[in-house]
Amino acid sequence: MPFNAVITAGGRVEGAFARKIGTPVKALARVRGATLLERAIDSARAAGATRVAIVGGAEVRVAAAHRVERFIPEGSTGAENVLAALGAWPDDEPLLYLTSDMPYVDEPALRDFMGRVPPGALALPLAEALAYDRRFPGAPPHGVTLAGERVTNGGAFVIPPGTAHKIAAFATRFFDARKSLWSMGRLLGVALLAEFAMRRLTIARVENHALRVLGVSTLAIREAAPELAFDCDTLADYDYALANG
């Protein structure tokens, strides 16, 4: 099925990280001859995206607007950028939503992920801990443990046709709450937060909760490629990506 893609590229870094990459715009950090943003664009194209859009600032426009079909100026908040990304294309085809900080993203990883998403499902990839550790030995720790199972979520999402408006409000609230345990608790609900604290929260429970809240079938695609789960959140992550192909 044809699909469009959108890549958010508004993330900023400061201090030693910004000095190391020569820019405050994380998407423009270079790894093995290409920027993180270029890798995301090229991978989406190779995986079959009909059209690609990016959301970013003036630096991103200069660096990459000529490589895509649409450039969307960033808003003043991350939540605004999420909304802009969800509305990048008409909501009549699946949308591949990518972050722009994955130094290992590639065509095979995206094709495998998308090929396992059922029609009509909102999906994100989950890499299993053992596969992630084998692929990235000695990497800075990432991931979360749910009911005794450690997984790392990826920076790619498939949004089915006709659902962007349904998930928009939740997506912006999630972005605003992502760094506060209290805010996440209010968003997910006391029951799920308690289950997580007691290490009883399962992936299936989260999927069912998302279905009730969004009214959209929501799936975690298990055993996804670790390449979709490594992102450059920190300078340590970036240094690892530079040193390890």
Protein backbone atom coordinates (compact mmCIF):
# COMPACT_ATOMS: atom_id res chain seq x y z
CA MET A 1 0.00 0.00 0.00
CA PRO A 2 1.35 3.48 -0.81
CA PHE A 3 2.33 5.56 2.19
CA ASN A 4 3.63 9.03 2.98
CA ALA A 5 6.32 9.92 5.49
CA VAL A 6 6.99 12.80 7.84
CA ILE A 7 10.13 13.44 9.88
CA THR A 8 10.30 15.75 12.88
CA ALA A 9 13.61 17.63 13.08
CA GLY A 10 13.08 20.31 15.70
CA GLY A 11 15.05 18.83 18.59
CA ARG A 12 17.80 21.04 20.05
CA VAL A 13 20.86 20.22 22.14
CA GLU A 14 23.13 22.40 24.25
CA GLY A 15 26.57 22.52 25.82
CA ALA A 16 29.13 19.87 24.94
CA PHE A 17 26.73 18.06 22.63
CA ALA A 18 26.08 21.16 20.52
CA ARG A 19 29.78 22.00 20.43
CA LYS A 20 30.64 18.47 19.33
CA ILE A 21 28.24 18.45 16.39
CA GLY A 22 28.75 22.14 15.50
CA THR A 23 25.05 23.01 15.67
CA PRO A 24 22.25 23.12 18.22
CA VAL A 25 20.01 21.16 15.82
CA LYS A 26 20.39 17.49 16.65
CA ALA A 27 19.02 16.30 13.31
CA LEU A 28 21.98 17.94 11.55
CA ALA A 29 24.61 15.96 13.49
CA ARG A 30 26.77 13.95 11.10
CA VAL A 31 27.50 10.24 11.44
CA ARG A 32 29.58 8.38 8.87
CA GLY A 33 29.24 10.98 6.15
CA ALA A 34 25.57 11.88 6.48
CA THR A 35 23.40 13.84 8.87
CA LEU A 36 20.86 12.04 11.03
CA LEU A 37 18.13 13.79 9.06
CA GLU A 38 19.55 12.67 5.71
CA ARG A 39 19.61 9.08 6.96
CA ALA A 40 15.95 9.30 7.94
CA ILE A 41 14.95 10.81 4.60
CA ASP A 42 16.93 8.29 2.54
CA SER A 43 15.63 5.34 4.58
CA ALA A 44 12.00 6.45 4.22
CA ARG A 45 12.43 6.86 0.46
CA ALA A 46 14.14 3.49 0.06
CA ALA A 47 11.43 1.81 2.10
CA GLY A 48 8.83 3.08 -0.38
CA ALA A 49 7.52 6.43 0.84
CA THR A 50 5.64 8.21 -1.95
CA ARG A 51 6.18 11.66 -0.44
CA VAL A 52 8.38 12.87 2.43
CA ALA A 53 7.86 15.95 4.59
CA ILE A 54 10.04 17.39 7.33
CA VAL A 55 9.14 19.66 10.25
CA GLY A 56 11.99 21.90 11.34
CA GLY A 57 13.54 25.32 11.68
CA ALA A 58 15.48 27.60 9.37
CA GLU A 59 18.68 25.54 9.61
CA VAL A 60 16.79 22.41 8.58
CA ARG A 61 15.19 24.24 5.67
CA VAL A 62 18.60 25.26 4.30
CA ALA A 63 20.12 21.81 4.83
CA ALA A 64 17.39 19.51 3.60
CA ALA A 65 14.25 21.17 2.21
CA HIS A 66 15.44 20.44 -1.33
CA ARG A 67 15.45 16.70 -0.55
CA VAL A 68 11.74 16.43 0.29
CA GLU A 69 8.34 17.22 -1.21
CA ARG A 70 7.25 19.45 1.67
CA PHE A 71 8.92 21.52 4.35
CA ILE A 72 6.83 22.57 7.37
CA PRO A 73 8.20 25.37 9.58
CA GLU A 74 8.47 24.31 13.20
CA GLY A 75 6.20 25.75 15.87
CA SER A 76 7.14 27.24 19.21
CA THR A 77 6.63 23.98 21.12
CA GLY A 78 7.26 20.31 20.54
CA ALA A 79 3.55 19.61 20.82
CA GLU A 80 2.89 22.03 17.96
CA ASN A 81 5.43 20.15 15.86
CA VAL A 82 3.68 16.86 16.58
CA LEU A 83 0.41 18.33 15.32
CA ALA A 84 2.13 19.73 12.24
CA ALA A 85 3.64 16.34 11.49
CA LEU A 86 0.31 14.53 11.86
CA GLY A 87 -1.20 16.97 9.37
CA ALA A 88 1.67 16.89 6.90
CA TRP A 89 -0.30 14.96 4.28
CA PRO A 90 -3.96 14.21 3.54
CA ASP A 91 -5.20 11.52 5.90
CA ASP A 92 -6.12 9.05 3.15
CA GLU A 93 -2.95 6.94 3.14
CA PRO A 94 -0.82 5.41 5.91
CA LEU A 95 1.70 7.79 7.43
CA LEU A 96 5.19 6.77 8.50
CA TYR A 97 6.21 9.12 11.29
CA LEU A 98 9.96 9.18 12.01
CA THR A 99 12.11 10.97 14.52
CA SER A 100 15.37 12.38 13.21
CA ASP A 101 17.86 11.11 15.78
CA MET A 102 18.32 7.47 14.71
CA PRO A 103 21.90 6.98 13.45
CA TYR A 104 21.30 3.38 12.36
CA VAL A 105 17.89 3.64 10.68
CA ASP A 106 17.85 1.94 7.27
CA GLU A 107 15.60 0.53 4.58
CA PRO A 108 15.55 -3.13 5.73
CA ALA A 109 14.59 -2.16 9.28
CA LEU A 110 11.74 0.05 8.12
CA ARG A 111 10.47 -2.43 5.53
CA ASP A 112 10.44 -5.24 8.07
CA PHE A 113 8.57 -3.10 10.60
CA MET A 114 5.98 -1.78 8.16
CA GLY A 115 5.49 -5.17 6.56
CA ARG A 116 4.29 -6.57 9.88
CA VAL A 117 1.77 -3.82 10.68
CA PRO A 118 -1.82 -5.03 10.05
CA PRO A 119 -4.06 -2.72 7.99
CA GLY A 120 -5.78 -0.14 10.15
CA ALA A 121 -3.38 -0.43 13.09
CA LEU A 122 -1.42 2.29 14.84
CA ALA A 123 1.96 0.71 15.50
CA LEU A 124 5.42 1.27 16.90
CA PRO A 125 8.45 -1.06 16.89
CA LEU A 126 9.85 -2.76 19.99
CA ALA A 127 13.33 -4.27 19.97
CA GLU A 128 13.99 -7.15 22.34
CA ALA A 129 16.73 -6.60 24.90
CA LEU A 130 18.99 -9.48 23.80
CA ALA A 131 18.88 -8.44 20.15
CA TYR A 132 19.53 -4.82 21.07
CA ASP A 133 22.52 -5.73 23.27
CA ARG A 134 23.98 -7.99 20.58
CA ARG A 135 23.66 -5.27 17.96
CA PHE A 136 25.00 -2.49 20.19
CA PRO A 137 27.37 -4.06 22.73
CA GLY A 138 28.49 -1.61 25.38
CA ALA A 139 26.06 1.09 24.27
CA PRO A 140 24.58 3.53 26.79
CA PRO A 141 21.54 1.89 28.42
CA HIS A 142 18.11 2.40 26.89
CA GLY A 143 14.78 0.71 27.28
CA VAL A 144 12.17 -0.12 29.87
CA THR A 145 11.20 -3.27 31.75
CA LEU A 146 7.55 -4.30 31.61
CA ALA A 147 6.43 -7.30 33.65
CA GLY A 148 10.01 -8.57 33.75
CA GLU A 149 10.59 -8.09 30.02
CA ARG A 150 13.10 -5.45 28.89
CA VAL A 151 12.39 -3.79 25.57
CA THR A 152 13.44 -0.64 23.74
CA ASN A 153 10.90 1.29 21.68
CA GLY A 154 11.78 2.66 18.28
CA GLY A 155 11.52 6.13 16.80
CA ALA A 156 9.11 5.11 14.04
CA PHE A 157 5.33 4.98 14.00
CA VAL A 158 2.76 3.86 11.46
CA ILE A 159 -0.44 5.89 11.58
CA PRO A 160 -3.31 4.34 9.60
CA PRO A 161 -5.53 6.35 7.25
CA GLY A 162 -8.36 8.32 8.83
CA THR A 163 -6.93 8.30 12.36
CA ALA A 164 -4.60 11.29 12.66
CA HIS A 165 -7.38 13.44 14.12
CA LYS A 166 -8.20 10.76 16.68
CA ILE A 167 -4.69 10.56 18.08
CA ALA A 168 -3.75 14.25 17.80
CA ALA A 169 -4.91 15.33 21.26
CA PHE A 170 -3.38 12.33 23.00
CA ALA A 171 -0.12 12.69 21.04
CA THR A 172 0.35 16.30 22.12
CA ARG A 173 -0.48 15.50 25.76
CA PHE A 174 1.97 12.61 25.64
CA PHE A 175 4.71 14.87 24.29
CA ASP A 176 4.12 17.43 27.03
CA ALA A 177 4.03 14.76 29.76
CA ARG A 178 6.88 12.52 28.63
CA LYS A 179 9.52 13.87 31.06
CA SER A 180 7.36 13.96 34.19
CA LEU A 181 6.37 10.79 36.02
CA TRP A 182 3.45 12.60 37.65
CA SER A 183 2.18 13.90 34.29
CA MET A 184 2.58 10.48 32.69
CA GLY A 185 0.65 8.99 35.58
CA ARG A 186 -2.22 11.40 34.99
CA LEU A 187 -2.14 10.62 31.28
CA LEU A 188 -2.00 6.82 31.54
CA GLY A 189 -4.13 6.53 34.64
CA VAL A 190 -3.50 5.49 38.21
CA ALA A 191 -4.12 1.80 37.53
CA LEU A 192 -1.46 1.50 34.83
CA LEU A 193 1.02 3.57 36.79
CA ALA A 194 0.51 1.32 39.82
CA GLU A 195 1.00 -1.78 37.69
CA PHE A 196 4.22 -0.32 36.32
CA ALA A 197 5.48 0.50 39.81
CA MET A 198 4.78 -3.10 40.89
CA ARG A 199 6.42 -4.42 37.71
CA ARG A 200 3.18 -5.99 36.56
CA LEU A 201 2.40 -3.76 33.60
CA THR A 202 2.44 -5.77 30.37
CA ILE A 203 2.71 -4.65 26.77
CA ALA A 204 -0.71 -6.12 26.04
CA ARG A 205 -2.21 -4.04 28.85
CA VAL A 206 -0.77 -0.86 27.35
CA GLU A 207 -2.09 -1.83 23.89
CA ASN A 208 -5.58 -2.39 25.28
CA HIS A 209 -5.49 0.90 27.16
CA ALA A 210 -4.49 2.75 23.98
CA LEU A 211 -7.34 1.11 22.09
CA ARG A 212 -9.86 2.29 24.70
CA VAL A 213 -8.48 5.81 24.82
CA LEU A 214 -7.91 6.35 21.10
CA GLY A 215 -10.49 4.10 19.52
CA VAL A 216 -7.76 2.83 17.20
CA SER A 217 -6.18 -0.63 17.18
CA THR A 218 -2.74 -0.06 18.67
CA LEU A 219 0.09 -2.57 18.44
CA ALA A 220 3.68 -2.92 19.51
CA ILE A 221 5.52 -4.78 16.76
CA ARG A 222 7.74 -7.19 18.66
CA GLU A 223 11.26 -8.25 17.66
CA ALA A 224 11.71 -5.15 15.52
CA ALA A 225 15.15 -4.29 14.21
CA PRO A 226 17.37 -2.75 16.90
CA GLU A 227 18.39 -0.14 14.33
CA LEU A 228 15.02 1.54 14.93
CA ALA A 229 15.53 1.63 18.70
CA PHE A 230 18.89 3.39 19.03
CA ASP A 231 18.53 7.15 19.20
CA CYS A 232 20.95 9.92 20.06
CA ASP A 233 19.38 11.32 23.19
CA THR A 234 22.73 12.23 24.72
CA LEU A 235 26.30 13.01 23.76
CA ALA A 236 27.26 9.52 24.97
CA ASP A 237 24.81 8.03 22.46
CA TYR A 238 26.27 10.16 19.69
CA ASP A 239 29.84 9.24 20.59
CA TYR A 240 28.89 5.56 20.51
CA ALA A 241 27.35 5.97 17.04
CA LEU A 242 30.51 7.67 15.79
CA ALA A 243 32.72 4.86 17.08
CA ASN A 244 30.51 1.91 16.10
CA GLY A 245 29.21 1.31 12.61
